[in-house]
Amino acid sequence: MHEMSLALEICRITEEQVGRETLPRVREVGLLVGEDSGVEPENLEFCLQALLDHPPFEGARVAMSLDPGDDLRVTYLEVDDGGSTH
């Protein structure tokens, strides 16, 4: 099940982009999954959600878009800004 390895890498990328102290405020992880990427989208979503449901993420959602190509990439990270008006 290489989807778990991919899910771990997505979590690592998320941490790299937002910083470890911000991980509990990540609300959504956007992904683009190509139909020819060799990834089972349902399995990836299951593995990733299992990781995101626990600390340090505390319940972030997965938003997955399918594409006819062979890409697999993180397209965006939604972070709760704590109600800041800036």
C-alpha atoms as a PDB file:
ATOM      1  CA  MET A   1       0.000   0.000   0.000  1.00  0.00           C
ATOM      2  CA  HIS A   2       2.198   2.844  -1.239  1.00  0.00           C
ATOM      3  CA  GLU A   3      -0.629   5.313  -0.579  1.00  0.00           C
ATOM      4  CA  MET A   4       0.395   5.407   3.110  1.00  0.00           C
ATOM      5  CA  SER A   5       3.915   6.438   2.078  1.00  0.00           C
ATOM      6  CA  LEU A   6       2.408   9.142  -0.110  1.00  0.00           C
ATOM      7  CA  ALA A   7       0.164  10.301   2.741  1.00  0.00           C
ATOM      8  CA  LEU A   8       3.192  10.552   5.046  1.00  0.00           C
ATOM      9  CA  GLU A   9       5.025  12.601   2.421  1.00  0.00           C
ATOM     10  CA  ILE A  10       2.025  14.929   2.024  1.00  0.00           C
ATOM     11  CA  CYS A  11       2.056  15.459   5.798  1.00  0.00           C
ATOM     12  CA  ARG A  12       5.798  16.192   5.643  1.00  0.00           C
ATOM     13  CA  ILE A  13       5.250  18.726   2.848  1.00  0.00           C
ATOM     14  CA  THR A  14       2.472  20.341   4.877  1.00  0.00           C
ATOM     15  CA  GLU A  15       4.732  20.633   7.909  1.00  0.00           C
ATOM     16  CA  GLU A  16       7.526  22.062   5.780  1.00  0.00           C
ATOM     17  CA  GLN A  17       5.211  24.712   4.320  1.00  0.00           C
ATOM     18  CA  VAL A  18       3.375  25.865   7.458  1.00  0.00           C
ATOM     19  CA  GLY A  19       5.774  24.968  10.275  1.00  0.00           C
ATOM     20  CA  ARG A  20       5.265  22.440  13.057  1.00  0.00           C
ATOM     21  CA  GLU A  21       3.663  24.926  15.453  1.00  0.00           C
ATOM     22  CA  THR A  22       0.975  25.762  12.852  1.00  0.00           C
ATOM     23  CA  LEU A  23      -0.016  22.153  12.058  1.00  0.00           C
ATOM     24  CA  PRO A  24      -2.986  22.102  14.494  1.00  0.00           C
ATOM     25  CA  ARG A  25      -4.454  25.057  12.567  1.00  0.00           C
ATOM     26  CA  VAL A  26      -4.356  23.343   9.152  1.00  0.00           C
ATOM     27  CA  ARG A  27      -8.008  22.933   8.163  1.00  0.00           C
ATOM     28  CA  GLU A  28      -7.770  21.503   4.652  1.00  0.00           C
ATOM     29  CA  VAL A  29      -5.166  19.935   2.394  1.00  0.00           C
ATOM     30  CA  GLY A  30      -5.925  20.248  -1.308  1.00  0.00           C
ATOM     31  CA  LEU A  31      -4.607  17.575  -3.656  1.00  0.00           C
ATOM     32  CA  LEU A  32      -4.589  17.012  -7.388  1.00  0.00           C
ATOM     33  CA  VAL A  33      -4.472  13.316  -8.286  1.00  0.00           C
ATOM     34  CA  GLY A  34      -3.994  12.255 -11.879  1.00  0.00           C
ATOM     35  CA  GLU A  35      -5.936   9.285 -13.171  1.00  0.00           C
ATOM     36  CA  ASP A  36      -2.664   7.955 -14.640  1.00  0.00           C
ATOM     37  CA  SER A  37      -0.584   8.598 -11.493  1.00  0.00           C
ATOM     38  CA  GLY A  38      -0.763   5.008 -10.267  1.00  0.00           C
ATOM     39  CA  VAL A  39      -2.493   6.176  -7.086  1.00  0.00           C
ATOM     40  CA  GLU A  40      -5.794   4.808  -5.810  1.00  0.00           C
ATOM     41  CA  PRO A  41      -7.558   8.053  -4.783  1.00  0.00           C
ATOM     42  CA  GLU A  42      -9.835   6.348  -2.247  1.00  0.00           C
ATOM     43  CA  ASN A  43      -6.907   4.615  -0.561  1.00  0.00           C
ATOM     44  CA  LEU A  44      -4.848   7.804  -0.474  1.00  0.00           C
ATOM     45  CA  GLU A  45      -7.742   9.742   1.019  1.00  0.00           C
ATOM     46  CA  PHE A  46      -8.292   7.043   3.665  1.00  0.00           C
ATOM     47  CA  CYS A  47      -4.602   6.989   4.643  1.00  0.00           C
ATOM     48  CA  LEU A  48      -4.274  10.749   4.663  1.00  0.00           C
ATOM     49  CA  GLN A  49      -7.446  11.247   6.686  1.00  0.00           C
ATOM     50  CA  ALA A  50      -6.192   8.714   9.239  1.00  0.00           C
ATOM     51  CA  LEU A  51      -3.060  10.843   9.699  1.00  0.00           C
ATOM     52  CA  LEU A  52      -4.869  14.187   9.688  1.00  0.00           C
ATOM     53  CA  ASP A  53      -7.407  13.085  12.306  1.00  0.00           C
ATOM     54  CA  HIS A  54      -4.688  12.916  14.969  1.00  0.00           C
ATOM     55  CA  PRO A  55      -2.166  15.342  16.469  1.00  0.00           C
ATOM     56  CA  PRO A  56      -0.387  17.344  15.371  1.00  0.00           C
ATOM     57  CA  PHE A  57      -3.058  18.048  12.706  1.00  0.00           C
ATOM     58  CA  GLU A  58      -6.215  17.687  14.793  1.00  0.00           C
ATOM     59  CA  GLY A  59      -8.830  17.074  12.134  1.00  0.00           C
ATOM     60  CA  ALA A  60      -7.812  18.665   8.842  1.00  0.00           C
ATOM     61  CA  ARG A  61      -9.892  17.657   5.815  1.00  0.00           C
ATOM     62  CA  VAL A  62      -8.724  16.306   2.487  1.00  0.00           C
ATOM     63  CA  ALA A  63      -9.994  18.015  -0.683  1.00  0.00           C
ATOM     64  CA  MET A  64      -9.069  15.907  -3.672  1.00  0.00           C
ATOM     65  CA  SER A  65      -9.467  16.807  -7.337  1.00  0.00           C
ATOM     66  CA  LEU A  66      -9.006  14.233 -10.070  1.00  0.00           C
ATOM     67  CA  ASP A  67      -7.195  15.073 -13.288  1.00  0.00           C
ATOM     68  CA  PRO A  68      -6.720  13.099 -16.512  1.00  0.00           C
ATOM     69  CA  GLY A  69      -2.915  13.403 -16.289  1.00  0.00           C
ATOM     70  CA  ASP A  70      -0.282  11.668 -14.184  1.00  0.00           C
ATOM     71  CA  ASP A  71       0.250  14.410 -11.582  1.00  0.00           C
ATOM     72  CA  LEU A  72       0.104  14.041  -7.839  1.00  0.00           C
ATOM     73  CA  ARG A  73       0.574  17.306  -5.983  1.00  0.00           C
ATOM     74  CA  VAL A  74      -0.478  19.376  -3.038  1.00  0.00           C
ATOM     75  CA  THR A  75      -2.401  22.291  -4.551  1.00  0.00           C
ATOM     76  CA  TYR A  76      -3.182  24.303  -1.421  1.00  0.00           C
ATOM     77  CA  LEU A  77      -3.192  24.326   2.367  1.00  0.00           C
ATOM     78  CA  GLU A  78      -6.014  26.065   4.211  1.00  0.00           C
ATOM     79  CA  VAL A  79      -4.897  27.349   7.601  1.00  0.00           C
ATOM     80  CA  ASP A  80      -7.113  28.883  10.285  1.00  0.00           C
ATOM     81  CA  ASP A  81      -5.668  32.323  10.929  1.00  0.00           C
ATOM     82  CA  GLY A  82      -7.236  32.510  14.369  1.00  0.00           C
ATOM     83  CA  GLY A  83      -9.801  35.120  13.405  1.00  0.00           C
ATOM     84  CA  SER A  84      -7.273  37.737  12.387  1.00  0.00           C
ATOM     85  CA  THR A  85      -8.691  40.629  10.374  1.00  0.00           C
ATOM     86  CA  HIS A  86      -5.378  41.190   8.540  1.00  0.00           C
END
